[in-house]
């Protein structure tokens, strides 16, 4: 699963190499439902416009949806992911790998904050993993200082993972718009239920 594919942000952030033939952009008009999980990715949600749906495997179990986000003349890119969990890796380990890949792909990356966020709908607080990075990268065809957000939620049952990557110019103020997009989606219970997620350390 690739957490930067679909964004204009330089090197791809890879979890595992997948055969090129297994990956494809899906030609979808209108809202699209990921049949395996029941998650629907709308064509438009508020100021966010879906730009891409990508399948990383032939069975379309591992998928992402990219959105462009505009507010007050500012532009950001958000990619949402739903993909099968790896049985031998817990949520903390999966998120640590996301952070390592970010660090490896940007020479000047700086971890600004690391904390816990709510479940995707916002219903259950402090159960997802979140990190805020600063780096220099290419956004909308221009190299510039960027803010990048990484998010990972591990639903109850250990079957699926929900991840999100968001990036915008460091001068932009799109944190609230990113959260609104994440919370505004109609998340199926199996992708938002945190009952089996360990509580964060105090």
N, C-alpha and C. Protein backbone atom coordinates (compact mmCIF):
# COMPACT_ATOMS: atom_id res chain seq x y z
N UNK A 1 0.86 -1.19 0.00
CA UNK A 1 0.00 0.00 0.00
C UNK A 1 0.89 1.23 0.00
N UNK A 2 0.55 2.21 -0.82
CA UNK A 2 1.37 3.38 -1.02
C UNK A 2 0.67 4.59 -0.44
N UNK A 3 1.30 5.27 0.51
CA UNK A 3 0.62 6.36 1.21
C UNK A 3 0.84 7.72 0.58
N UNK A 4 1.63 7.84 -0.45
CA UNK A 4 1.75 9.13 -1.13
C UNK A 4 1.36 9.04 -2.58
N UNK A 5 1.01 7.88 -3.05
CA UNK A 5 0.64 7.75 -4.45
C UNK A 5 -0.63 8.54 -4.69
N UNK A 6 -0.64 9.36 -5.75
CA UNK A 6 -1.81 10.19 -6.01
C UNK A 6 -1.61 11.62 -5.55
N UNK A 7 -0.58 11.89 -4.74
CA UNK A 7 -0.25 13.26 -4.36
C UNK A 7 0.97 13.69 -5.15
N UNK A 8 1.13 14.99 -5.35
CA UNK A 8 2.27 15.51 -6.10
C UNK A 8 3.33 15.90 -5.09
N UNK A 9 3.93 14.88 -4.45
CA UNK A 9 4.78 15.16 -3.32
C UNK A 9 6.11 14.42 -3.38
N UNK A 10 6.59 14.11 -4.57
CA UNK A 10 7.89 13.51 -4.66
C UNK A 10 7.83 11.99 -4.55
N UNK A 11 8.87 11.37 -3.94
CA UNK A 11 8.97 9.91 -3.94
C UNK A 11 7.77 9.25 -3.28
N UNK A 12 7.37 8.09 -3.82
CA UNK A 12 6.24 7.35 -3.27
C UNK A 12 6.63 6.77 -1.92
N UNK A 13 5.66 6.72 -1.03
CA UNK A 13 5.87 6.17 0.31
C UNK A 13 5.32 4.76 0.31
N UNK A 14 6.22 3.76 0.29
CA UNK A 14 5.80 2.38 0.07
C UNK A 14 5.80 1.58 1.35
N UNK A 15 4.80 0.73 1.52
CA UNK A 15 4.80 -0.30 2.55
C UNK A 15 5.40 -1.58 1.98
N UNK A 16 4.95 -1.95 0.79
CA UNK A 16 5.44 -3.16 0.16
C UNK A 16 5.34 -2.99 -1.34
N UNK A 17 6.28 -3.58 -2.06
CA UNK A 17 6.25 -3.47 -3.51
C UNK A 17 5.15 -4.37 -4.05
N UNK A 18 4.32 -3.80 -4.91
CA UNK A 18 3.24 -4.56 -5.53
C UNK A 18 3.49 -4.65 -7.02
N UNK A 19 3.14 -5.76 -7.65
CA UNK A 19 3.33 -5.86 -9.10
C UNK A 19 2.56 -4.76 -9.82
N UNK A 20 3.18 -4.15 -10.81
CA UNK A 20 2.53 -3.04 -11.51
C UNK A 20 1.21 -3.47 -12.13
N UNK A 21 1.14 -4.70 -12.59
CA UNK A 21 -0.08 -5.16 -13.25
C UNK A 21 -1.25 -5.27 -12.28
N UNK A 22 -0.95 -5.35 -10.97
CA UNK A 22 -2.01 -5.50 -9.99
C UNK A 22 -2.61 -4.16 -9.59
N UNK A 23 -1.97 -3.06 -9.97
CA UNK A 23 -2.42 -1.74 -9.59
C UNK A 23 -3.09 -1.05 -10.76
N UNK A 24 -4.14 -0.29 -10.45
CA UNK A 24 -4.80 0.45 -11.52
C UNK A 24 -5.64 1.58 -10.94
N UNK A 25 -5.74 2.65 -11.73
CA UNK A 25 -6.72 3.69 -11.43
C UNK A 25 -8.08 3.20 -11.91
N UNK A 26 -9.07 3.37 -11.09
CA UNK A 26 -10.42 2.96 -11.46
C UNK A 26 -11.16 4.13 -12.08
N UNK A 27 -11.79 3.90 -13.19
CA UNK A 27 -12.53 4.96 -13.87
C UNK A 27 -13.95 4.99 -13.32
N UNK A 28 -14.17 5.90 -12.40
CA UNK A 28 -15.42 5.96 -11.66
C UNK A 28 -16.02 7.35 -11.78
N UNK A 29 -17.30 7.40 -12.09
CA UNK A 29 -18.04 8.66 -12.03
C UNK A 29 -19.08 8.54 -10.93
N UNK A 30 -19.21 9.59 -10.12
CA UNK A 30 -20.15 9.55 -9.02
C UNK A 30 -19.54 8.89 -7.80
N UNK A 31 -20.34 8.68 -6.77
CA UNK A 31 -19.86 8.06 -5.55
C UNK A 31 -19.46 6.61 -5.83
N UNK A 32 -18.46 6.13 -5.08
CA UNK A 32 -17.97 4.77 -5.28
C UNK A 32 -17.88 4.06 -3.94
N UNK A 33 -18.39 2.82 -3.88
CA UNK A 33 -18.37 2.02 -2.66
C UNK A 33 -17.37 0.89 -2.78
N UNK A 34 -16.50 0.80 -1.80
CA UNK A 34 -15.55 -0.30 -1.70
C UNK A 34 -16.31 -1.51 -1.17
N UNK A 35 -16.60 -2.44 -2.04
CA UNK A 35 -17.54 -3.51 -1.70
C UNK A 35 -17.06 -4.39 -0.55
N UNK A 36 -15.76 -4.57 -0.42
CA UNK A 36 -15.26 -5.47 0.62
C UNK A 36 -15.51 -4.92 2.03
N UNK A 37 -15.43 -3.60 2.20
CA UNK A 37 -15.59 -3.00 3.52
C UNK A 37 -16.88 -2.24 3.69
N UNK A 38 -17.53 -1.87 2.58
CA UNK A 38 -18.74 -1.07 2.65
C UNK A 38 -18.48 0.42 2.70
N UNK A 39 -17.22 0.84 2.58
CA UNK A 39 -16.88 2.26 2.64
C UNK A 39 -17.22 2.94 1.32
N UNK A 40 -17.93 4.09 1.40
CA UNK A 40 -18.25 4.87 0.21
C UNK A 40 -17.39 6.11 0.15
N UNK A 41 -16.75 6.32 -0.99
CA UNK A 41 -15.96 7.52 -1.24
C UNK A 41 -16.76 8.42 -2.18
N UNK A 42 -17.36 9.49 -1.66
CA UNK A 42 -18.19 10.35 -2.51
C UNK A 42 -17.36 11.13 -3.51
N UNK A 43 -17.99 11.50 -4.61
CA UNK A 43 -17.30 12.29 -5.63
C UNK A 43 -16.96 13.67 -5.09
N UNK A 44 -17.82 14.21 -4.26
CA UNK A 44 -17.59 15.52 -3.65
C UNK A 44 -18.08 15.51 -2.21
N UNK A 45 -17.33 16.14 -1.34
CA UNK A 45 -17.74 16.28 0.04
C UNK A 45 -17.35 17.68 0.51
N UNK A 46 -18.32 18.56 0.59
CA UNK A 46 -18.03 19.95 0.93
C UNK A 46 -17.13 20.57 -0.12
N UNK A 47 -15.98 21.11 0.32
CA UNK A 47 -15.02 21.72 -0.61
C UNK A 47 -14.01 20.71 -1.16
N UNK A 48 -14.18 19.45 -0.85
CA UNK A 48 -13.25 18.42 -1.31
C UNK A 48 -13.81 17.73 -2.55
N UNK A 49 -13.00 17.63 -3.58
CA UNK A 49 -13.39 16.97 -4.83
C UNK A 49 -12.51 15.75 -5.03
N UNK A 50 -13.15 14.60 -5.24
CA UNK A 50 -12.37 13.38 -5.46
C UNK A 50 -11.65 13.45 -6.80
N UNK A 51 -10.36 13.15 -6.79
CA UNK A 51 -9.55 13.23 -7.99
C UNK A 51 -9.12 11.86 -8.51
N UNK A 52 -9.17 10.84 -7.66
CA UNK A 52 -8.64 9.55 -8.08
C UNK A 52 -9.11 8.45 -7.14
N UNK A 53 -9.40 7.30 -7.70
CA UNK A 53 -9.55 6.08 -6.92
C UNK A 53 -8.55 5.08 -7.47
N UNK A 54 -7.77 4.49 -6.59
CA UNK A 54 -6.70 3.60 -7.02
C UNK A 54 -6.81 2.28 -6.28
N UNK A 55 -6.69 1.18 -7.00
CA UNK A 55 -6.65 -0.16 -6.41
C UNK A 55 -5.22 -0.67 -6.49
N UNK A 56 -4.72 -1.19 -5.37
CA UNK A 56 -3.34 -1.68 -5.30
C UNK A 56 -3.25 -3.18 -5.49
N UNK A 57 -4.41 -3.85 -5.61
CA UNK A 57 -4.40 -5.28 -5.85
C UNK A 57 -5.55 -5.62 -6.78
N UNK A 58 -5.45 -6.76 -7.41
CA UNK A 58 -6.44 -7.14 -8.41
C UNK A 58 -7.82 -7.35 -7.80
N UNK A 59 -7.87 -7.73 -6.54
CA UNK A 59 -9.16 -7.98 -5.88
C UNK A 59 -9.81 -6.71 -5.36
N UNK A 60 -9.11 -5.60 -5.46
CA UNK A 60 -9.60 -4.30 -4.99
C UNK A 60 -9.93 -4.32 -3.49
N UNK A 61 -9.10 -5.01 -2.73
CA UNK A 61 -9.21 -4.98 -1.28
C UNK A 61 -8.44 -3.79 -0.71
N UNK A 62 -7.30 -3.48 -1.31
CA UNK A 62 -6.40 -2.41 -0.87
C UNK A 62 -6.61 -1.23 -1.81
N UNK A 63 -7.28 -0.17 -1.32
CA UNK A 63 -7.67 0.92 -2.20
C UNK A 63 -7.39 2.28 -1.55
N UNK A 64 -7.35 3.30 -2.39
CA UNK A 64 -7.23 4.66 -1.89
C UNK A 64 -8.10 5.59 -2.72
N UNK A 65 -8.47 6.70 -2.12
CA UNK A 65 -9.21 7.75 -2.82
C UNK A 65 -8.52 9.08 -2.54
N UNK A 66 -8.15 9.78 -3.59
CA UNK A 66 -7.49 11.07 -3.45
C UNK A 66 -8.50 12.20 -3.59
N UNK A 67 -8.31 13.25 -2.80
CA UNK A 67 -9.18 14.42 -2.83
C UNK A 67 -8.34 15.69 -2.89
N UNK A 68 -8.79 16.65 -3.69
CA UNK A 68 -8.22 18.00 -3.62
C UNK A 68 -9.13 18.81 -2.71
N UNK A 69 -8.52 19.62 -1.88
CA UNK A 69 -9.24 20.36 -0.86
C UNK A 69 -8.93 21.84 -1.02
N UNK A 70 -9.95 22.64 -1.27
CA UNK A 70 -9.76 24.07 -1.45
C UNK A 70 -10.60 24.83 -0.44
N UNK A 71 -9.96 25.80 0.20
CA UNK A 71 -10.67 26.65 1.14
C UNK A 71 -9.98 28.00 1.20
N UNK A 72 -10.74 29.05 0.92
CA UNK A 72 -10.19 30.40 1.00
C UNK A 72 -9.00 30.63 0.10
N UNK A 73 -8.98 30.00 -1.06
CA UNK A 73 -7.87 30.15 -1.99
C UNK A 73 -6.70 29.24 -1.69
N UNK A 74 -6.76 28.46 -0.62
CA UNK A 74 -5.69 27.55 -0.26
C UNK A 74 -5.99 26.15 -0.80
N UNK A 75 -4.93 25.41 -1.16
CA UNK A 75 -5.07 24.10 -1.78
C UNK A 75 -4.34 23.05 -0.98
N UNK A 76 -5.02 21.95 -0.72
CA UNK A 76 -4.39 20.80 -0.08
C UNK A 76 -4.79 19.53 -0.79
N UNK A 77 -4.03 18.45 -0.53
CA UNK A 77 -4.33 17.15 -1.10
C UNK A 77 -4.46 16.13 0.03
N UNK A 78 -5.50 15.33 -0.03
CA UNK A 78 -5.76 14.31 0.97
C UNK A 78 -5.94 12.97 0.26
N UNK A 79 -5.29 11.93 0.77
CA UNK A 79 -5.51 10.59 0.26
C UNK A 79 -5.95 9.71 1.41
N UNK A 80 -7.08 9.03 1.23
CA UNK A 80 -7.66 8.13 2.22
C UNK A 80 -7.45 6.70 1.78
N UNK A 81 -7.16 5.82 2.72
CA UNK A 81 -6.83 4.43 2.41
C UNK A 81 -7.65 3.48 3.27
N UNK A 82 -8.13 2.42 2.66
CA UNK A 82 -8.71 1.29 3.36
C UNK A 82 -8.00 0.05 2.82
N UNK A 83 -7.42 -0.76 3.73
CA UNK A 83 -6.65 -1.90 3.26
C UNK A 83 -6.58 -2.97 4.34
N UNK A 84 -6.35 -4.21 3.95
CA UNK A 84 -6.32 -5.31 4.93
C UNK A 84 -5.17 -5.15 5.91
N UNK A 85 -5.44 -5.50 7.16
CA UNK A 85 -4.41 -5.46 8.19
C UNK A 85 -3.42 -6.60 7.98
N UNK A 86 -2.18 -6.38 8.45
CA UNK A 86 -1.17 -7.42 8.45
C UNK A 86 -1.24 -8.14 9.79
N UNK A 87 -1.53 -9.44 9.79
CA UNK A 87 -1.79 -10.15 11.04
C UNK A 87 -0.69 -10.06 12.08
N UNK A 88 0.58 -10.04 11.64
CA UNK A 88 1.69 -10.07 12.60
C UNK A 88 2.22 -8.69 12.96
N UNK A 89 1.47 -7.62 12.63
CA UNK A 89 1.94 -6.26 12.94
C UNK A 89 0.84 -5.51 13.66
N UNK A 90 1.11 -4.97 14.86
CA UNK A 90 0.08 -4.24 15.57
C UNK A 90 0.00 -2.81 15.07
N UNK A 91 -0.96 -2.05 15.59
CA UNK A 91 -1.24 -0.71 15.07
C UNK A 91 -0.05 0.22 15.28
N UNK A 92 0.56 0.15 16.45
CA UNK A 92 1.71 1.02 16.74
C UNK A 92 2.86 0.73 15.78
N UNK A 93 3.11 -0.54 15.49
CA UNK A 93 4.18 -0.90 14.56
C UNK A 93 3.86 -0.41 13.15
N UNK A 94 2.61 -0.52 12.74
CA UNK A 94 2.23 -0.05 11.41
C UNK A 94 2.42 1.46 11.29
N UNK A 95 2.07 2.19 12.33
CA UNK A 95 2.23 3.63 12.26
C UNK A 95 3.71 4.03 12.32
N UNK A 96 4.50 3.31 13.09
CA UNK A 96 5.94 3.59 13.13
C UNK A 96 6.55 3.41 11.75
N UNK A 97 6.05 2.45 10.98
CA UNK A 97 6.57 2.25 9.63
C UNK A 97 6.19 3.42 8.72
N UNK A 98 4.97 3.96 8.88
CA UNK A 98 4.58 5.15 8.14
C UNK A 98 5.55 6.29 8.43
N UNK A 99 5.84 6.51 9.70
CA UNK A 99 6.74 7.60 10.09
C UNK A 99 8.15 7.38 9.52
N UNK A 100 8.63 6.15 9.56
CA UNK A 100 9.97 5.88 9.01
C UNK A 100 10.02 6.17 7.53
N UNK A 101 8.98 5.80 6.81
CA UNK A 101 8.97 6.05 5.36
C UNK A 101 8.92 7.53 5.04
N UNK A 102 8.19 8.31 5.82
CA UNK A 102 8.20 9.76 5.61
C UNK A 102 9.61 10.29 5.80
N UNK A 103 10.26 9.89 6.89
CA UNK A 103 11.61 10.37 7.19
C UNK A 103 12.60 9.99 6.09
N UNK A 104 12.44 8.81 5.51
CA UNK A 104 13.38 8.35 4.49
C UNK A 104 13.21 9.06 3.15
N UNK A 105 12.03 9.61 2.91
CA UNK A 105 11.74 10.18 1.59
C UNK A 105 11.93 11.69 1.51
N UNK A 106 12.22 12.34 2.63
CA UNK A 106 12.42 13.79 2.62
C UNK A 106 13.64 14.12 3.46
N UNK A 107 14.62 14.77 2.84
CA UNK A 107 15.90 15.01 3.52
C UNK A 107 15.77 15.98 4.69
N UNK A 108 14.79 16.89 4.63
CA UNK A 108 14.68 17.90 5.68
C UNK A 108 13.44 17.72 6.55
N UNK A 109 12.87 16.51 6.55
CA UNK A 109 11.63 16.29 7.28
C UNK A 109 11.85 16.48 8.78
N UNK A 110 10.84 17.07 9.42
CA UNK A 110 10.88 17.29 10.87
C UNK A 110 9.55 16.86 11.47
N UNK A 111 9.62 15.98 12.46
CA UNK A 111 8.41 15.58 13.19
C UNK A 111 8.06 16.70 14.17
N UNK A 112 6.92 17.34 13.94
CA UNK A 112 6.51 18.48 14.76
C UNK A 112 5.66 18.04 15.95
N UNK A 113 4.78 17.07 15.73
CA UNK A 113 3.90 16.61 16.80
C UNK A 113 3.48 15.18 16.54
N UNK A 114 3.27 14.45 17.61
CA UNK A 114 2.78 13.07 17.54
C UNK A 114 1.78 12.89 18.67
N UNK A 115 0.56 12.51 18.33
CA UNK A 115 -0.46 12.42 19.36
C UNK A 115 -1.52 11.40 18.93
N UNK A 116 -2.61 11.36 19.68
CA UNK A 116 -3.70 10.45 19.36
C UNK A 116 -4.91 11.25 18.90
N UNK A 117 -5.59 10.74 17.88
CA UNK A 117 -6.77 11.37 17.30
C UNK A 117 -7.97 10.45 17.45
N UNK A 118 -9.17 10.97 17.16
CA UNK A 118 -10.37 10.13 17.25
C UNK A 118 -10.43 9.08 16.15
N UNK A 119 -11.39 8.19 16.27
CA UNK A 119 -11.71 7.26 15.20
C UNK A 119 -12.13 8.06 13.97
N UNK A 120 -12.20 7.46 12.79
CA UNK A 120 -12.45 8.22 11.57
C UNK A 120 -13.66 9.15 11.62
N UNK A 121 -14.75 8.72 12.24
CA UNK A 121 -15.94 9.56 12.31
C UNK A 121 -15.81 10.64 13.38
N UNK A 122 -14.83 10.50 14.26
CA UNK A 122 -14.70 11.41 15.39
C UNK A 122 -15.47 10.94 16.61
N UNK A 123 -16.12 9.79 16.51
CA UNK A 123 -17.01 9.31 17.58
C UNK A 123 -16.24 8.92 18.84
N UNK A 124 -15.09 8.26 18.68
CA UNK A 124 -14.32 7.76 19.82
C UNK A 124 -12.98 8.49 19.89
N UNK A 125 -12.73 9.24 20.94
CA UNK A 125 -11.49 10.04 21.01
C UNK A 125 -10.26 9.20 21.34
N UNK A 126 -9.09 9.71 20.92
CA UNK A 126 -7.78 9.22 21.37
C UNK A 126 -7.53 7.75 21.09
N UNK A 127 -7.93 7.27 19.92
CA UNK A 127 -7.72 5.87 19.59
C UNK A 127 -6.91 5.67 18.30
N UNK A 128 -6.77 6.71 17.49
CA UNK A 128 -5.99 6.62 16.26
C UNK A 128 -4.62 7.26 16.47
N UNK A 129 -3.70 6.94 15.59
CA UNK A 129 -2.35 7.51 15.63
C UNK A 129 -2.26 8.67 14.65
N UNK A 130 -1.58 9.74 15.05
CA UNK A 130 -1.47 10.92 14.21
C UNK A 130 -0.09 11.54 14.38
N UNK A 131 0.47 12.02 13.27
CA UNK A 131 1.73 12.75 13.31
C UNK A 131 1.67 13.92 12.35
N UNK A 132 2.33 14.99 12.72
CA UNK A 132 2.40 16.23 11.94
C UNK A 132 3.86 16.45 11.60
N UNK A 133 4.15 16.60 10.29
CA UNK A 133 5.51 16.79 9.81
C UNK A 133 5.63 18.12 9.06
N UNK A 134 6.83 18.68 9.07
CA UNK A 134 7.21 19.75 8.15
C UNK A 134 8.31 19.23 7.25
N UNK A 135 8.27 19.63 5.99
CA UNK A 135 9.29 19.25 5.03
C UNK A 135 9.23 20.18 3.84
N UNK A 136 10.15 20.01 2.90
CA UNK A 136 10.09 20.71 1.63
C UNK A 136 9.74 19.70 0.55
N UNK A 137 8.77 20.05 -0.29
CA UNK A 137 8.36 19.14 -1.35
C UNK A 137 7.62 19.89 -2.44
N UNK A 138 7.13 19.16 -3.42
CA UNK A 138 6.44 19.76 -4.55
C UNK A 138 4.94 19.63 -4.36
N UNK A 139 4.27 20.75 -4.43
CA UNK A 139 2.81 20.78 -4.31
C UNK A 139 2.26 21.66 -5.42
N UNK A 140 1.33 21.09 -6.20
CA UNK A 140 0.72 21.84 -7.30
C UNK A 140 1.79 22.40 -8.25
N UNK A 141 2.84 21.60 -8.50
CA UNK A 141 3.88 21.97 -9.45
C UNK A 141 4.93 22.93 -8.93
N UNK A 142 4.90 23.23 -7.63
CA UNK A 142 5.84 24.21 -7.07
C UNK A 142 6.52 23.63 -5.85
N UNK A 143 7.87 23.69 -5.82
CA UNK A 143 8.59 23.25 -4.63
C UNK A 143 8.48 24.32 -3.54
N UNK A 144 8.11 23.89 -2.34
CA UNK A 144 7.83 24.85 -1.27
C UNK A 144 7.81 24.13 0.08
N UNK A 145 7.85 24.91 1.17
CA UNK A 145 7.70 24.30 2.50
C UNK A 145 6.29 23.73 2.65
N UNK A 146 6.21 22.51 3.19
CA UNK A 146 4.94 21.82 3.31
C UNK A 146 4.65 21.40 4.74
N UNK A 147 3.38 21.31 5.02
CA UNK A 147 2.88 20.61 6.19
C UNK A 147 2.32 19.28 5.72
N UNK A 148 2.61 18.20 6.44
CA UNK A 148 2.09 16.89 6.08
C UNK A 148 1.53 16.23 7.33
N UNK A 149 0.36 15.63 7.19
CA UNK A 149 -0.30 14.93 8.30
C UNK A 149 -0.43 13.45 7.94
N UNK A 150 -0.12 12.59 8.91
CA UNK A 150 -0.31 11.15 8.76
C UNK A 150 -1.26 10.66 9.83
N UNK A 151 -2.16 9.74 9.44
CA UNK A 151 -3.20 9.25 10.35
C UNK A 151 -3.38 7.76 10.13
N UNK A 152 -3.52 7.01 11.22
CA UNK A 152 -3.78 5.59 11.11
C UNK A 152 -4.74 5.15 12.21
N UNK A 153 -5.78 4.43 11.82
CA UNK A 153 -6.74 3.87 12.76
C UNK A 153 -6.87 2.38 12.50
N UNK A 154 -6.85 1.60 13.57
CA UNK A 154 -6.97 0.15 13.47
C UNK A 154 -8.31 -0.26 14.08
N UNK A 155 -9.29 -0.58 13.27
CA UNK A 155 -10.61 -0.93 13.79
C UNK A 155 -10.60 -2.20 14.61
N UNK A 156 -11.66 -2.37 15.38
CA UNK A 156 -11.82 -3.60 16.16
C UNK A 156 -11.86 -4.80 15.24
N UNK A 157 -11.30 -5.90 15.69
CA UNK A 157 -11.33 -7.13 14.91
C UNK A 157 -10.07 -7.39 14.12
N UNK A 158 -9.28 -6.35 13.85
CA UNK A 158 -8.00 -6.52 13.20
C UNK A 158 -8.05 -6.90 11.74
N UNK A 159 -9.19 -6.68 11.07
CA UNK A 159 -9.31 -7.07 9.66
C UNK A 159 -8.85 -5.97 8.71
N UNK A 160 -9.18 -4.72 9.04
CA UNK A 160 -8.90 -3.59 8.15
C UNK A 160 -8.06 -2.54 8.87
N UNK A 161 -7.40 -1.71 8.07
CA UNK A 161 -6.76 -0.49 8.56
C UNK A 161 -7.32 0.68 7.77
N UNK A 162 -7.40 1.83 8.43
CA UNK A 162 -7.82 3.07 7.79
C UNK A 162 -6.68 4.08 7.96
N UNK A 163 -6.20 4.60 6.87
CA UNK A 163 -5.11 5.57 6.94
C UNK A 163 -5.46 6.79 6.11
N UNK A 164 -4.76 7.89 6.40
CA UNK A 164 -4.94 9.12 5.62
C UNK A 164 -3.63 9.87 5.58
N UNK A 165 -3.35 10.49 4.44
CA UNK A 165 -2.22 11.41 4.30
C UNK A 165 -2.77 12.72 3.75
N UNK A 166 -2.30 13.81 4.31
CA UNK A 166 -2.74 15.13 3.86
C UNK A 166 -1.54 16.05 3.79
N UNK A 167 -1.49 16.90 2.78
CA UNK A 167 -0.38 17.85 2.63
C UNK A 167 -0.88 19.15 2.04
N UNK A 168 -0.27 20.24 2.48
CA UNK A 168 -0.57 21.57 1.95
C UNK A 168 0.60 22.48 2.25
N UNK A 169 0.60 23.67 1.64
CA UNK A 169 1.66 24.63 1.88
C UNK A 169 1.70 24.98 3.36
N UNK A 170 2.91 25.15 3.91
CA UNK A 170 3.03 25.39 5.33
C UNK A 170 2.34 26.68 5.77
N UNK A 171 2.19 27.60 4.83
CA UNK A 171 1.52 28.86 5.16
C UNK A 171 0.00 28.71 5.19
N UNK A 172 -0.52 27.60 4.66
CA UNK A 172 -1.96 27.39 4.61
C UNK A 172 -2.48 26.90 5.97
N UNK A 173 -3.75 27.10 6.18
CA UNK A 173 -4.39 26.68 7.43
C UNK A 173 -5.54 25.72 7.08
N UNK A 174 -5.16 24.48 6.77
CA UNK A 174 -6.16 23.51 6.31
C UNK A 174 -6.33 22.34 7.27
N UNK A 175 -5.78 22.45 8.48
CA UNK A 175 -5.92 21.35 9.44
C UNK A 175 -7.39 21.05 9.72
N UNK A 176 -8.18 22.11 9.95
CA UNK A 176 -9.59 21.91 10.23
C UNK A 176 -10.34 21.31 9.06
N UNK A 177 -9.98 21.71 7.85
CA UNK A 177 -10.64 21.17 6.66
C UNK A 177 -10.33 19.68 6.49
N UNK A 178 -9.10 19.28 6.83
CA UNK A 178 -8.72 17.87 6.76
C UNK A 178 -9.56 17.05 7.75
N UNK A 179 -9.69 17.55 8.96
CA UNK A 179 -10.48 16.85 9.98
C UNK A 179 -11.95 16.77 9.56
N UNK A 180 -12.48 17.86 9.00
CA UNK A 180 -13.86 17.86 8.55
C UNK A 180 -14.09 16.82 7.46
N UNK A 181 -13.13 16.70 6.55
CA UNK A 181 -13.25 15.69 5.49
C UNK A 181 -13.27 14.29 6.09
N UNK A 182 -12.35 14.03 6.99
CA UNK A 182 -12.26 12.71 7.60
C UNK A 182 -13.53 12.37 8.37
N UNK A 183 -14.00 13.30 9.18
CA UNK A 183 -15.19 13.05 10.00
C UNK A 183 -16.47 13.07 9.17
N UNK A 184 -16.45 13.76 8.04
CA UNK A 184 -17.67 13.93 7.26
C UNK A 184 -18.05 12.74 6.42
N UNK A 185 -17.14 11.80 6.24
CA UNK A 185 -17.44 10.59 5.48
C UNK A 185 -18.34 9.66 6.29
N UNK A 186 -19.11 8.86 5.59
CA UNK A 186 -20.03 7.92 6.23
C UNK A 186 -19.31 6.60 6.45
N UNK A 187 -18.64 6.48 7.60
CA UNK A 187 -17.81 5.33 7.87
C UNK A 187 -18.64 4.14 8.35
N UNK A 188 -18.52 2.99 7.72
CA UNK A 188 -19.19 1.78 8.24
C UNK A 188 -18.65 1.45 9.62
N UNK A 189 -19.46 0.83 10.44
CA UNK A 189 -19.07 0.52 11.81
C UNK A 189 -17.79 -0.30 11.85
N UNK A 190 -17.62 -1.23 10.91
CA UNK A 190 -16.43 -2.08 10.95
C UNK A 190 -15.14 -1.31 10.68
N UNK A 191 -15.25 -0.07 10.15
CA UNK A 191 -14.08 0.77 9.93
C UNK A 191 -13.96 1.89 10.95
N UNK A 192 -14.88 1.93 11.93
CA UNK A 192 -14.86 3.04 12.90
C UNK A 192 -14.95 2.54 14.33
N UNK A 193 -15.14 1.25 14.52
CA UNK A 193 -15.32 0.67 15.85
C UNK A 193 -13.95 0.48 16.51
N UNK A 194 -13.76 1.10 17.68
CA UNK A 194 -12.45 1.07 18.34
C UNK A 194 -12.44 0.19 19.58
N UNK A 195 -13.41 -0.64 19.77
CA UNK A 195 -13.50 -1.40 21.03
C UNK A 195 -12.30 -2.29 21.29
N UNK A 196 -11.65 -2.75 20.19
CA UNK A 196 -10.50 -3.64 20.38
C UNK A 196 -9.18 -2.89 20.30
N UNK A 197 -9.24 -1.55 20.18
CA UNK A 197 -8.01 -0.75 20.07
C UNK A 197 -7.50 -0.43 21.46
N UNK A 198 -6.23 -0.72 21.78
CA UNK A 198 -5.70 -0.43 23.11
C UNK A 198 -5.76 1.06 23.41
N UNK A 199 -5.98 1.39 24.66
CA UNK A 199 -5.97 2.79 25.08
C UNK A 199 -4.56 3.32 25.04
N UNK A 200 -4.38 4.63 24.71
CA UNK A 200 -3.03 5.19 24.67
C UNK A 200 -2.42 5.25 26.06
N UNK A 201 -1.11 5.21 26.12
CA UNK A 201 -0.43 5.32 27.40
C UNK A 201 -0.59 6.73 27.96
N UNK A 202 -0.78 6.81 29.24
CA UNK A 202 -0.94 8.10 29.92
C UNK A 202 0.40 8.56 30.45
